[in-house]
Amino acid sequence: MQDTSCIYLDYNATTPIFPQVAQRMQPFLTQHFGNPSSSHAYGRPCKQAVDTARQQVARMLGASEDQWMLLFTSCGTESDNWAIYGSVMAARAAKGAAFVPHVVTSNIEHPAVLECLTTLAAQGLLTYTAISVSNEGLVSPDDVAKALTPATVLVTVMHSNNEVGSIQPIAAISEVAHRHGALMHTDAAQSIGKVAVNVEELGADLVTVVGHKFGAPKGIAALAVRKGIPFHRFLHGGGQEQGMRGGTENVLLAVGLGAAAELVAVEGPQTGAHLAAMRDKLQAGLCAAFHQADVRINGPVNHAQRLPNTLSISIRGLQAAQLLTDLGDWLAASAGSACHGTQGPTASPVLQALGLPPEFAAGTLRLSTGRHTTADDVHSAVQLVIQGAQQQGCRVRIRA
């Protein structure tokens, strides 16, 4: 990352592979290539590596081997789809094909959840209710309780939101779900590596882990499944992943996920503090640059309810998508709106769910700090945004 002049503040989209992770993976690029299912000298080191990686991820989550299965998948989308499909199909198998399971979710979930639910609903395999969130992006456990029906078999609510950083009260929502007899799934993709995620404290039955959000490669994720719950396999084939997902394991990427999980377990509190310090510096610099009436911070006011690295900031009069296009060689970040035809910028579904006024939605930037973000990066990013806003004619108090 030091080889480019482009400042990277898009860690919620993906992270670089951390150096320690790449180092652990190296022998499996050049030396260990065996099939983990083979018992010979080439296969044994690979099986050991997969087993070790599984243990590392489980330890990071506080998932004991006697209570949890830790299943490797290809991505967060697969983990989310599997959590929904596996729960729903198990319920249908138990209650008969005529039974149509019901799922409760929120209206700010990742498309991996919402699109899966929409697709399965169109096939007649389930019905679902997407409850609204507060204007801070928070799910109310009471609203979850009101949405439950006699047919509800699953509640799926993300641990934290990828756009505005709202951290959901998963433990309280899990209690509501279990009181009703439903399973609880949470997608913790954005939380791991930023805040503590302990499966027992959350009370969830299914937890999604995504490697490339915390220093592992893309193409590797996991689903933690509480043992004993009604749950169906996803990929049929060999007996890999405890008989739940056929397919030869990707040893190289599993090793990367395990190494990244080990870093989280060791560095967690220090990393979280660094992320927050960089985020707060970024927020302070941008808020000071614009008139108070022209700036909004999206997400929870209480910092304890917001991811320490995430800043969703809306600037009146700014065209965020155009700004990021203009600055694409110098600043990497995300916008909160997208252009659709002649209608101009349209707010993301998350910003719409929060009720953000259109004049702010078009000017929304999502800036997310990471393990390697420096104070110099933050200072330069603030100057770049101010410069770009000035060029668009926005009112500024501090000139770049």
Protein backbone atom coordinates (compact mmCIF):
# COMPACT_ATOMS: atom_id res chain seq x y z
CA MET A 1 0.00 0.00 0.00
CA GLN A 2 3.00 2.29 0.38
CA ASP A 3 3.71 1.91 -3.35
CA THR A 4 0.79 4.12 -4.35
CA SER A 5 -0.14 7.72 -3.63
CA CYS A 6 -3.82 6.78 -3.31
CA ILE A 7 -4.99 6.97 0.31
CA TYR A 8 -7.06 3.92 1.23
CA LEU A 9 -10.13 4.62 3.40
CA ASP A 10 -12.36 1.82 2.14
CA TYR A 11 -11.61 -0.91 4.68
CA ASN A 12 -15.31 -1.79 4.97
CA ALA A 13 -15.19 -2.83 1.32
CA THR A 14 -12.09 -4.98 1.76
CA THR A 15 -8.72 -5.01 3.51
CA PRO A 16 -5.28 -5.78 2.15
CA ILE A 17 -3.90 -9.18 3.05
CA PHE A 18 -1.97 -8.40 6.21
CA PRO A 19 1.78 -9.15 5.97
CA GLN A 20 1.72 -11.73 8.77
CA VAL A 21 -1.13 -13.52 6.99
CA ALA A 22 0.68 -13.61 3.65
CA GLN A 23 3.76 -15.03 5.40
CA ARG A 24 1.75 -17.91 6.88
CA MET A 25 0.22 -18.66 3.49
CA GLN A 26 3.50 -18.75 1.58
CA PRO A 27 4.43 -22.44 2.19
CA PHE A 28 1.03 -23.49 0.81
CA LEU A 29 1.77 -21.66 -2.44
CA THR A 30 5.10 -23.32 -3.04
CA GLN A 31 5.56 -26.39 -0.84
CA HIS A 32 2.39 -27.98 0.57
CA PHE A 33 -0.05 -28.83 -2.21
CA GLY A 34 -1.58 -32.13 -1.08
CA ASN A 35 -5.28 -32.93 -0.76
CA PRO A 36 -6.29 -32.70 2.93
CA SER A 37 -8.33 -35.89 2.50
CA SER A 38 -5.21 -37.86 1.50
CA SER A 39 -3.46 -39.79 4.27
CA HIS A 40 -0.01 -39.75 2.67
CA ALA A 41 2.93 -37.43 3.33
CA TYR A 42 1.64 -34.74 0.98
CA GLY A 43 -1.87 -34.67 2.39
CA ARG A 44 -1.13 -34.75 6.13
CA PRO A 45 0.43 -31.25 6.43
CA CYS A 46 -2.55 -29.80 4.56
CA LYS A 47 -5.09 -31.50 6.79
CA GLN A 48 -3.17 -30.26 9.83
CA ALA A 49 -3.20 -26.74 8.42
CA VAL A 50 -6.97 -26.78 7.83
CA ASP A 51 -7.59 -28.16 11.33
CA THR A 52 -5.37 -25.47 12.85
CA ALA A 53 -7.12 -22.72 10.90
CA ARG A 54 -10.51 -23.98 12.06
CA GLN A 55 -9.34 -23.90 15.66
CA GLN A 56 -7.94 -20.37 15.26
CA VAL A 57 -11.22 -19.00 13.90
CA ALA A 58 -13.22 -20.81 16.57
CA ARG A 59 -11.01 -19.39 19.34
CA MET A 60 -11.42 -15.89 17.96
CA LEU A 61 -15.21 -16.32 18.21
CA GLY A 62 -15.19 -18.04 21.61
CA ALA A 63 -16.79 -21.08 19.96
CA SER A 64 -15.91 -24.25 21.86
CA GLU A 65 -15.55 -27.44 19.84
CA ASP A 66 -18.13 -29.30 21.91
CA GLN A 67 -20.80 -26.65 21.25
CA TRP A 68 -20.03 -25.35 17.75
CA MET A 69 -19.21 -26.44 14.21
CA LEU A 70 -16.94 -24.03 12.32
CA LEU A 71 -17.56 -24.57 8.62
CA PHE A 72 -15.44 -22.97 5.89
CA THR A 73 -17.23 -21.39 2.94
CA SER A 74 -16.21 -19.42 -0.15
CA CYS A 75 -17.56 -16.01 0.89
CA GLY A 76 -19.93 -14.14 3.16
CA THR A 77 -22.71 -14.44 0.62
CA GLU A 78 -22.49 -18.22 0.74
CA SER A 79 -22.47 -18.20 4.54
CA ASP A 80 -25.54 -15.94 4.69
CA ASN A 81 -27.38 -17.93 2.02
CA TRP A 82 -26.55 -21.17 3.80
CA ALA A 83 -27.71 -19.86 7.18
CA ILE A 84 -31.10 -19.00 5.68
CA TYR A 85 -31.49 -22.00 3.37
CA GLY A 86 -30.21 -24.51 5.93
CA SER A 87 -32.59 -23.27 8.62
CA VAL A 88 -35.63 -23.01 6.36
CA MET A 89 -35.17 -26.40 4.69
CA ALA A 90 -34.63 -28.10 8.05
CA ALA A 91 -37.93 -26.61 9.28
CA ARG A 92 -39.74 -27.72 6.13
CA ALA A 93 -38.33 -31.23 6.50
CA ALA A 94 -39.50 -31.39 10.12
CA LYS A 95 -43.00 -29.96 9.57
CA GLY A 96 -43.81 -31.14 6.06
CA ALA A 97 -43.66 -29.63 2.59
CA ALA A 98 -46.94 -27.78 3.14
CA PHE A 99 -45.36 -25.72 5.93
CA VAL A 100 -44.06 -22.33 4.76
CA PRO A 101 -41.44 -21.01 7.20
CA HIS A 102 -41.33 -17.32 8.10
CA VAL A 103 -38.13 -15.30 8.59
CA VAL A 104 -37.68 -11.94 10.32
CA THR A 105 -34.93 -9.57 9.19
CA SER A 106 -34.26 -5.83 8.95
CA ASN A 107 -34.50 -3.47 5.99
CA ILE A 108 -30.78 -2.56 6.13
CA GLU A 109 -29.35 -6.06 5.71
CA HIS A 110 -26.69 -6.90 3.15
CA PRO A 111 -28.04 -8.04 -0.25
CA ALA A 112 -26.65 -11.49 0.56
CA VAL A 113 -29.53 -11.76 3.04
CA LEU A 114 -32.27 -9.69 1.41
CA GLU A 115 -31.79 -11.06 -2.11
CA CYS A 116 -31.68 -14.61 -0.79
CA LEU A 117 -34.94 -14.09 1.10
CA THR A 118 -36.58 -12.48 -1.93
CA THR A 119 -35.52 -15.36 -4.18
CA LEU A 120 -36.66 -18.12 -1.82
CA ALA A 121 -39.94 -16.29 -1.21
CA ALA A 122 -40.55 -16.13 -4.98
CA GLN A 123 -40.04 -19.90 -5.07
CA GLY A 124 -42.65 -20.35 -2.34
CA LEU A 125 -40.11 -21.74 0.13
CA LEU A 126 -40.58 -19.04 2.78
CA THR A 127 -42.16 -15.72 3.68
CA TYR A 128 -40.32 -12.93 5.43
CA THR A 129 -40.77 -9.62 7.21
CA ALA A 130 -38.14 -6.87 6.95
CA ILE A 131 -38.65 -4.55 9.91
CA SER A 132 -37.69 -0.88 9.78
CA VAL A 133 -34.77 0.55 11.73
CA SER A 134 -34.51 3.81 13.67
CA ASN A 135 -33.05 6.95 12.09
CA GLU A 136 -29.75 5.87 13.67
CA GLY A 137 -29.85 2.53 11.87
CA LEU A 138 -30.67 0.44 14.94
CA VAL A 139 -33.00 -2.55 15.15
CA SER A 140 -35.41 -2.65 18.09
CA PRO A 141 -35.81 -6.05 19.81
CA ASP A 142 -39.43 -5.05 20.50
CA ASP A 143 -40.03 -4.61 16.77
CA VAL A 144 -38.53 -8.05 16.19
CA ALA A 145 -40.92 -9.52 18.75
CA LYS A 146 -43.91 -7.86 17.04
CA ALA A 147 -42.89 -9.30 13.67
CA LEU A 148 -42.76 -12.90 14.89
CA THR A 149 -45.52 -15.27 13.76
CA PRO A 150 -46.33 -18.90 14.64
CA ALA A 151 -44.40 -19.87 11.49
CA THR A 152 -41.22 -17.90 12.28
CA VAL A 153 -38.21 -20.23 12.29
CA LEU A 154 -35.35 -17.76 11.88
CA VAL A 155 -34.36 -14.21 12.76
CA THR A 156 -31.41 -12.84 10.77
CA VAL A 157 -30.00 -9.42 11.72
CA MET A 158 -26.48 -8.24 10.88
CA HIS A 159 -24.13 -7.59 13.78
CA SER A 160 -23.14 -4.21 12.36
CA ASN A 161 -24.07 -2.25 9.28
CA ASN A 162 -21.51 -1.85 6.53
CA GLU A 163 -22.56 1.70 5.57
CA VAL A 164 -23.30 3.60 8.78
CA GLY A 165 -21.64 1.28 11.30
CA SER A 166 -24.62 0.74 13.60
CA ILE A 167 -23.95 -2.17 15.99
CA GLN A 168 -27.14 -4.09 16.66
CA PRO A 169 -28.29 -5.43 20.06
CA ILE A 170 -27.84 -9.02 18.93
CA ALA A 171 -27.92 -10.57 22.41
CA ALA A 172 -31.32 -9.00 23.12
CA ILE A 173 -32.65 -9.98 19.68
CA SER A 174 -31.37 -13.55 20.17
CA GLU A 175 -33.28 -13.75 23.45
CA VAL A 176 -36.48 -12.67 21.68
CA ALA A 177 -35.96 -15.22 18.89
CA HIS A 178 -35.22 -18.09 21.26
CA ARG A 179 -38.16 -17.26 23.50
CA HIS A 180 -40.31 -17.78 20.41
CA GLY A 181 -38.50 -20.98 19.43
CA ALA A 182 -36.75 -19.50 16.39
CA LEU A 183 -33.09 -19.68 15.43
CA MET A 184 -30.87 -16.58 15.38
CA HIS A 185 -28.37 -15.74 12.63
CA THR A 186 -26.10 -12.72 12.55
CA ASP A 187 -23.75 -11.61 9.81
CA ALA A 188 -20.66 -10.40 11.68
CA ALA A 189 -18.66 -9.60 8.52
CA GLN A 190 -18.12 -5.93 9.35
CA SER A 191 -17.56 -6.38 13.09
CA ILE A 192 -14.74 -8.90 13.32
CA GLY A 193 -11.39 -7.19 13.67
CA LYS A 194 -13.03 -3.98 14.88
CA VAL A 195 -15.07 -4.96 17.95
CA ALA A 196 -15.25 -8.11 20.06
CA VAL A 197 -17.49 -10.85 18.65
CA ASN A 198 -18.15 -13.76 21.03
CA VAL A 199 -20.76 -16.24 19.87
CA GLU A 200 -21.79 -17.26 23.38
CA GLU A 201 -22.28 -13.66 24.52
CA LEU A 202 -24.34 -12.95 21.41
CA GLY A 203 -26.57 -15.95 21.99
CA ALA A 204 -26.78 -16.55 18.23
CA ASP A 205 -27.06 -19.97 16.60
CA LEU A 206 -25.43 -19.07 13.29
CA VAL A 207 -22.66 -16.49 12.75
CA THR A 208 -21.13 -15.38 9.44
CA VAL A 209 -17.38 -14.64 9.28
CA VAL A 210 -15.79 -13.02 6.19
CA GLY A 211 -12.01 -13.20 5.83
CA HIS A 212 -11.27 -10.30 3.51
CA LYS A 213 -12.80 -7.84 5.97
CA PHE A 214 -10.02 -8.42 8.51
CA GLY A 215 -6.79 -9.15 6.68
CA ALA A 216 -7.37 -12.56 5.10
CA PRO A 217 -7.68 -13.17 1.34
CA LYS A 218 -10.90 -12.88 -0.63
CA GLY A 219 -12.63 -16.17 -1.36
CA ILE A 220 -12.63 -17.57 2.19
CA ALA A 221 -15.26 -17.21 4.89
CA ALA A 222 -16.92 -19.33 7.55
CA LEU A 223 -20.24 -20.12 9.15
CA ALA A 224 -20.28 -20.93 12.85
CA VAL A 225 -23.18 -23.30 13.59
CA ARG A 226 -24.34 -24.17 17.08
CA LYS A 227 -24.41 -27.96 17.39
CA GLY A 228 -27.80 -29.58 17.80
CA ILE A 229 -29.88 -27.01 15.93
CA PRO A 230 -32.03 -28.18 12.99
CA PHE A 231 -29.86 -27.34 10.00
CA HIS A 232 -29.35 -28.73 6.49
CA ARG A 233 -26.20 -29.17 4.45
CA PHE A 234 -25.65 -26.88 1.46
CA LEU A 235 -23.30 -28.54 -1.05
CA HIS A 236 -23.75 -32.26 -1.62
CA GLY A 237 -20.71 -34.35 -2.42
CA GLY A 238 -17.89 -35.69 -0.31
CA GLY A 239 -17.74 -35.66 3.45
CA GLN A 240 -15.75 -32.46 3.87
CA GLU A 241 -16.65 -29.82 6.48
CA GLN A 242 -18.03 -32.39 8.90
CA GLY A 243 -20.28 -33.78 6.18
CA MET A 244 -22.06 -30.44 5.76
CA ARG A 245 -20.37 -29.00 2.64
CA GLY A 246 -18.82 -31.15 -0.04
CA GLY A 247 -15.76 -30.00 -1.94
CA THR A 248 -12.00 -30.16 -1.44
CA GLU A 249 -10.94 -27.55 1.08
CA ASN A 250 -9.03 -24.48 -0.10
CA VAL A 251 -6.02 -25.02 2.13
CA LEU A 252 -4.16 -21.86 1.13
CA LEU A 253 -7.08 -19.55 1.92
CA ALA A 254 -8.08 -21.42 5.07
CA VAL A 255 -4.55 -20.88 6.39
CA GLY A 256 -4.94 -17.17 5.63
CA LEU A 257 -8.26 -16.98 7.47
CA GLY A 258 -6.79 -18.74 10.48
CA ALA A 259 -3.76 -16.45 10.58
CA ALA A 260 -5.97 -13.36 10.36
CA ALA A 261 -8.19 -14.71 13.15
CA GLU A 262 -5.13 -15.23 15.33
CA LEU A 263 -4.13 -11.59 14.77
CA VAL A 264 -7.60 -10.44 15.79
CA ALA A 265 -7.40 -12.49 18.97
CA VAL A 266 -4.00 -10.96 19.85
CA GLU A 267 -4.43 -7.37 18.63
CA GLY A 268 -8.17 -6.81 19.03
CA PRO A 269 -8.36 -4.05 21.68
CA GLN A 270 -5.31 -2.18 20.36
CA THR A 271 -6.59 -2.29 16.80
CA GLY A 272 -10.03 -1.09 17.85
CA ALA A 273 -8.51 1.87 19.67
CA HIS A 274 -6.38 2.79 16.64
CA LEU A 275 -9.36 2.59 14.30
CA ALA A 276 -11.42 4.84 16.54
CA ALA A 277 -8.62 7.39 16.91
CA MET A 278 -8.20 7.65 13.14
CA ARG A 279 -11.97 7.76 12.54
CA ASP A 280 -12.49 10.48 15.15
CA LYS A 281 -9.64 12.55 13.69
CA LEU A 282 -11.23 12.20 10.26
CA GLN A 283 -14.65 13.20 11.56
CA ALA A 284 -13.31 16.19 13.48
CA GLY A 285 -11.37 17.47 10.48
CA LEU A 286 -14.31 17.27 8.10
CA CYS A 287 -16.86 18.67 10.55
CA ALA A 288 -14.60 21.66 11.21
CA ALA A 289 -14.29 22.34 7.48
CA PHE A 290 -17.98 22.79 6.78
CA HIS A 291 -20.81 24.78 8.35
CA GLN A 292 -22.61 22.80 11.03
CA ALA A 293 -25.94 23.05 9.22
CA ASP A 294 -24.38 21.52 6.10
CA VAL A 295 -23.01 18.35 7.73
CA ARG A 296 -24.68 15.23 9.10
CA ILE A 297 -23.08 12.19 10.69
CA ASN A 298 -25.13 9.08 9.93
CA GLY A 299 -25.58 6.21 12.33
CA PRO A 300 -25.74 6.03 16.13
CA VAL A 301 -24.87 9.13 18.15
CA ASN A 302 -23.52 6.89 20.91
CA HIS A 303 -20.04 5.82 19.81
CA ALA A 304 -20.44 2.52 21.67
CA GLN A 305 -23.19 1.64 19.18
CA ARG A 306 -21.10 2.49 16.09
CA LEU A 307 -18.16 0.64 14.57
CA PRO A 308 -14.93 2.36 15.64
CA ASN A 309 -13.64 2.64 12.07
CA THR A 310 -16.73 3.82 10.20
CA LEU A 311 -17.65 7.39 9.29
CA SER A 312 -20.74 8.00 7.18
CA ILE A 313 -20.81 11.75 6.63
CA SER A 314 -23.24 13.73 4.47
CA ILE A 315 -22.35 17.18 3.14
CA ARG A 316 -25.12 19.36 1.75
CA GLY A 317 -24.48 20.39 -1.85
CA LEU A 318 -21.78 17.79 -2.47
CA GLN A 319 -22.04 15.21 -5.24
CA ALA A 320 -20.18 12.41 -3.46
CA ALA A 321 -20.07 9.97 -6.38
CA GLN A 322 -18.56 12.63 -8.64
CA LEU A 323 -16.08 13.65 -5.95
CA LEU A 324 -14.80 10.09 -5.58
CA THR A 325 -14.53 9.72 -9.35
CA ASP A 326 -12.50 12.92 -9.55
CA LEU A 327 -10.29 11.84 -6.63
CA GLY A 328 -10.02 8.21 -7.68
CA ASP A 329 -6.24 8.31 -8.09
CA TRP A 330 -5.70 9.98 -4.70
CA LEU A 331 -8.48 8.79 -2.36
CA ALA A 332 -10.25 5.42 -2.18
CA ALA A 333 -13.60 5.52 -0.38
CA SER A 334 -17.28 4.81 -1.02
CA ALA A 335 -20.29 7.01 -1.70
CA GLY A 336 -23.77 6.66 -0.22
CA SER A 337 -25.55 7.21 -3.50
CA ALA A 338 -25.47 5.91 -7.04
CA CYS A 339 -26.59 7.36 -10.34
CA HIS A 340 -29.56 5.81 -12.11
CA GLY A 341 -30.46 7.24 -15.51
CA THR A 342 -31.82 10.75 -15.79
CA GLN A 343 -33.13 10.87 -12.24
CA GLY A 344 -29.76 11.78 -10.77
CA PRO A 345 -28.22 10.36 -7.59
CA THR A 346 -30.37 7.93 -5.62
CA ALA A 347 -29.71 7.26 -1.96
CA SER A 348 -28.63 3.75 -1.02
CA PRO A 349 -31.35 1.55 0.54
CA VAL A 350 -29.64 1.97 3.92
CA LEU A 351 -29.71 5.78 3.78
CA GLN A 352 -33.31 5.64 2.59
CA ALA A 353 -34.16 3.40 5.54
CA LEU A 354 -32.63 6.01 7.88
CA GLY A 355 -34.80 8.72 6.32
CA LEU A 356 -31.85 10.84 5.19
CA PRO A 357 -33.06 13.93 3.26
CA PRO A 358 -32.22 13.85 -0.48
CA GLU A 359 -30.04 16.99 -0.29
CA PHE A 360 -27.76 15.16 2.16
CA ALA A 361 -27.99 11.66 0.67
CA ALA A 362 -26.30 12.71 -2.58
CA GLY A 363 -23.39 14.10 -0.58
CA THR A 364 -22.76 11.02 1.57
CA LEU A 365 -19.26 9.60 1.90
CA ARG A 366 -18.43 6.35 3.69
CA LEU A 367 -14.88 6.59 4.97
CA SER A 368 -13.60 3.53 6.80
CA THR A 369 -10.23 3.40 8.55
CA GLY A 370 -8.12 0.29 9.01
CA ARG A 371 -5.17 -1.36 10.69
CA HIS A 372 -2.69 0.49 8.47
CA THR A 373 -4.33 3.94 8.36
CA THR A 374 -2.02 6.71 9.58
CA ALA A 375 -2.62 10.22 10.88
CA ASP A 376 -0.95 11.54 7.72
CA ASP A 377 -3.46 9.57 5.63
CA VAL A 378 -6.31 11.17 7.55
CA HIS A 379 -4.92 14.69 7.22
CA SER A 380 -4.40 14.30 3.49
CA ALA A 381 -7.85 12.78 2.98
CA VAL A 382 -9.51 15.71 4.75
CA GLN A 383 -7.65 18.15 2.53
CA LEU A 384 -8.65 16.26 -0.60
CA VAL A 385 -12.34 16.22 0.34
CA ILE A 386 -12.28 19.95 1.16
CA GLN A 387 -10.58 20.70 -2.16
CA GLY A 388 -13.09 18.62 -4.09
CA ALA A 389 -16.03 20.20 -2.27
CA GLN A 390 -14.68 23.68 -3.01
CA GLN A 391 -14.42 22.84 -6.69
CA GLN A 392 -18.08 21.76 -6.63
CA GLY A 393 -19.08 25.07 -5.07
CA CYS A 394 -19.85 23.82 -1.55
CA ARG A 395 -19.62 26.27 1.34
CA VAL A 396 -16.48 25.68 3.39
CA ARG A 397 -15.21 27.25 6.60
CA ILE A 398 -11.65 26.04 6.27
CA ARG A 399 -10.04 26.24 2.86
CA ALA A 400 -7.70 23.45 1.77
